[in-house]
Amino acid sequence: MAREIKEEQRAPAFRAASTSGGELALEELRGRWAVLYFYPKDNTSG
């Protein structure tokens, strides 16, 4: 279920694959600056 996040709004808790091959939870970044970047699946017209 997609959910819109507006500017200045806190992101909901989530877990995602990390570039180091593990998994990262948003709560692990609490108290630090983080940049989340989302893009369409590779080789799609998005």
N, C-alpha and C. Protein backbone atom coordinates (compact mmCIF):
# COMPACT_ATOMS: atom_id res chain seq x y z
N MET A 1 0.84 -1.17 0.00
CA MET A 1 0.00 0.00 0.00
C MET A 1 0.89 1.24 0.00
N ALA A 2 0.81 2.04 -1.04
CA ALA A 2 1.60 3.26 -1.16
C ALA A 2 1.05 4.32 -0.21
N ARG A 3 1.94 5.12 0.32
CA ARG A 3 1.54 6.16 1.24
C ARG A 3 2.33 7.42 0.91
N GLU A 4 1.67 8.52 0.73
CA GLU A 4 2.34 9.77 0.38
C GLU A 4 2.95 10.38 1.64
N ILE A 5 4.19 10.83 1.52
CA ILE A 5 4.87 11.52 2.61
C ILE A 5 5.11 12.95 2.15
N LYS A 6 4.64 13.89 2.91
CA LYS A 6 4.78 15.30 2.56
C LYS A 6 6.07 15.87 3.12
N GLU A 7 6.53 16.97 2.55
CA GLU A 7 7.74 17.64 3.00
C GLU A 7 7.63 17.95 4.50
N GLU A 8 8.73 17.74 5.20
CA GLU A 8 8.85 17.99 6.64
C GLU A 8 8.14 16.93 7.49
N GLN A 9 7.46 15.98 6.88
CA GLN A 9 6.77 14.93 7.62
C GLN A 9 7.76 13.81 7.93
N ARG A 10 7.63 13.22 9.09
CA ARG A 10 8.51 12.10 9.44
C ARG A 10 8.15 10.85 8.64
N ALA A 11 9.15 10.10 8.27
CA ALA A 11 8.92 8.86 7.52
C ALA A 11 8.42 7.78 8.47
N PRO A 12 7.55 6.91 8.00
CA PRO A 12 7.10 5.79 8.84
C PRO A 12 8.23 4.78 9.02
N ALA A 13 8.16 3.97 10.06
CA ALA A 13 9.17 2.94 10.31
C ALA A 13 9.20 1.96 9.14
N PHE A 14 10.40 1.57 8.70
CA PHE A 14 10.53 0.59 7.63
C PHE A 14 11.87 -0.10 7.71
N ARG A 15 11.99 -1.21 7.00
CA ARG A 15 13.25 -1.94 6.83
C ARG A 15 13.48 -2.07 5.33
N ALA A 16 14.73 -1.98 4.90
CA ALA A 16 15.05 -2.09 3.48
C ALA A 16 16.43 -2.70 3.30
N ALA A 17 16.68 -3.22 2.11
CA ALA A 17 18.00 -3.77 1.78
C ALA A 17 19.00 -2.63 1.73
N SER A 18 20.20 -2.87 2.23
CA SER A 18 21.25 -1.87 2.18
C SER A 18 22.23 -2.20 1.06
N THR A 19 23.03 -1.23 0.68
CA THR A 19 24.01 -1.44 -0.39
C THR A 19 25.13 -2.37 0.06
N SER A 20 25.27 -2.59 1.36
CA SER A 20 26.31 -3.49 1.85
C SER A 20 25.85 -4.94 1.90
N GLY A 21 24.60 -5.19 1.44
CA GLY A 21 24.09 -6.55 1.39
C GLY A 21 23.26 -6.95 2.59
N GLY A 22 23.22 -6.13 3.60
CA GLY A 22 22.41 -6.43 4.78
C GLY A 22 21.05 -5.76 4.70
N GLU A 23 20.50 -5.50 5.86
CA GLU A 23 19.22 -4.83 5.94
C GLU A 23 19.36 -3.64 6.89
N LEU A 24 18.65 -2.58 6.60
CA LEU A 24 18.73 -1.37 7.39
C LEU A 24 17.33 -1.00 7.87
N ALA A 25 17.21 -0.66 9.13
CA ALA A 25 15.94 -0.19 9.68
C ALA A 25 16.06 1.31 9.93
N LEU A 26 15.02 2.04 9.63
CA LEU A 26 15.03 3.49 9.83
C LEU A 26 15.38 3.83 11.28
N GLU A 27 14.90 3.06 12.23
CA GLU A 27 15.16 3.35 13.65
C GLU A 27 16.66 3.32 13.98
N GLU A 28 17.47 2.62 13.18
CA GLU A 28 18.92 2.58 13.40
C GLU A 28 19.57 3.93 13.11
N LEU A 29 18.88 4.79 12.37
CA LEU A 29 19.43 6.09 12.00
C LEU A 29 18.92 7.21 12.90
N ARG A 30 18.13 6.89 13.90
CA ARG A 30 17.55 7.90 14.78
C ARG A 30 18.63 8.82 15.34
N GLY A 31 18.39 10.14 15.27
CA GLY A 31 19.33 11.12 15.79
C GLY A 31 20.42 11.53 14.80
N ARG A 32 20.40 10.93 13.60
CA ARG A 32 21.40 11.27 12.58
C ARG A 32 20.67 11.73 11.32
N TRP A 33 21.34 12.52 10.52
CA TRP A 33 20.78 12.93 9.23
C TRP A 33 20.84 11.76 8.27
N ALA A 34 19.81 11.61 7.46
CA ALA A 34 19.78 10.54 6.46
C ALA A 34 19.08 11.06 5.21
N VAL A 35 19.54 10.61 4.06
CA VAL A 35 18.91 10.95 2.79
C VAL A 35 18.38 9.65 2.19
N LEU A 36 17.10 9.63 1.91
CA LEU A 36 16.49 8.46 1.27
C LEU A 36 16.24 8.79 -0.18
N TYR A 37 16.67 7.93 -1.06
CA TYR A 37 16.53 8.16 -2.50
C TYR A 37 15.80 6.98 -3.10
N PHE A 38 14.71 7.24 -3.76
CA PHE A 38 13.92 6.19 -4.39
C PHE A 38 13.93 6.42 -5.91
N TYR A 39 13.98 5.36 -6.66
CA TYR A 39 13.94 5.47 -8.12
C TYR A 39 13.18 4.26 -8.69
N PRO A 40 12.68 4.40 -9.91
CA PRO A 40 11.96 3.27 -10.52
C PRO A 40 12.89 2.08 -10.74
N LYS A 41 12.32 0.93 -10.88
CA LYS A 41 13.11 -0.27 -11.16
C LYS A 41 13.97 -0.03 -12.39
N ASP A 42 15.19 -0.55 -12.37
CA ASP A 42 16.11 -0.39 -13.51
C ASP A 42 15.45 -0.83 -14.82
N ASN A 43 15.82 -0.12 -15.87
CA ASN A 43 15.36 -0.43 -17.24
C ASN A 43 13.85 -0.30 -17.43
N THR A 44 13.22 0.57 -16.66
CA THR A 44 11.80 0.84 -16.86
C THR A 44 11.65 2.28 -17.36
N SER A 45 10.50 2.60 -17.87
CA SER A 45 10.30 3.93 -18.44
C SER A 45 9.97 5.00 -17.39
N GLY A 46 9.97 4.63 -16.12
CA GLY A 46 9.55 5.53 -15.06
C GLY A 46 10.40 6.71 -14.87
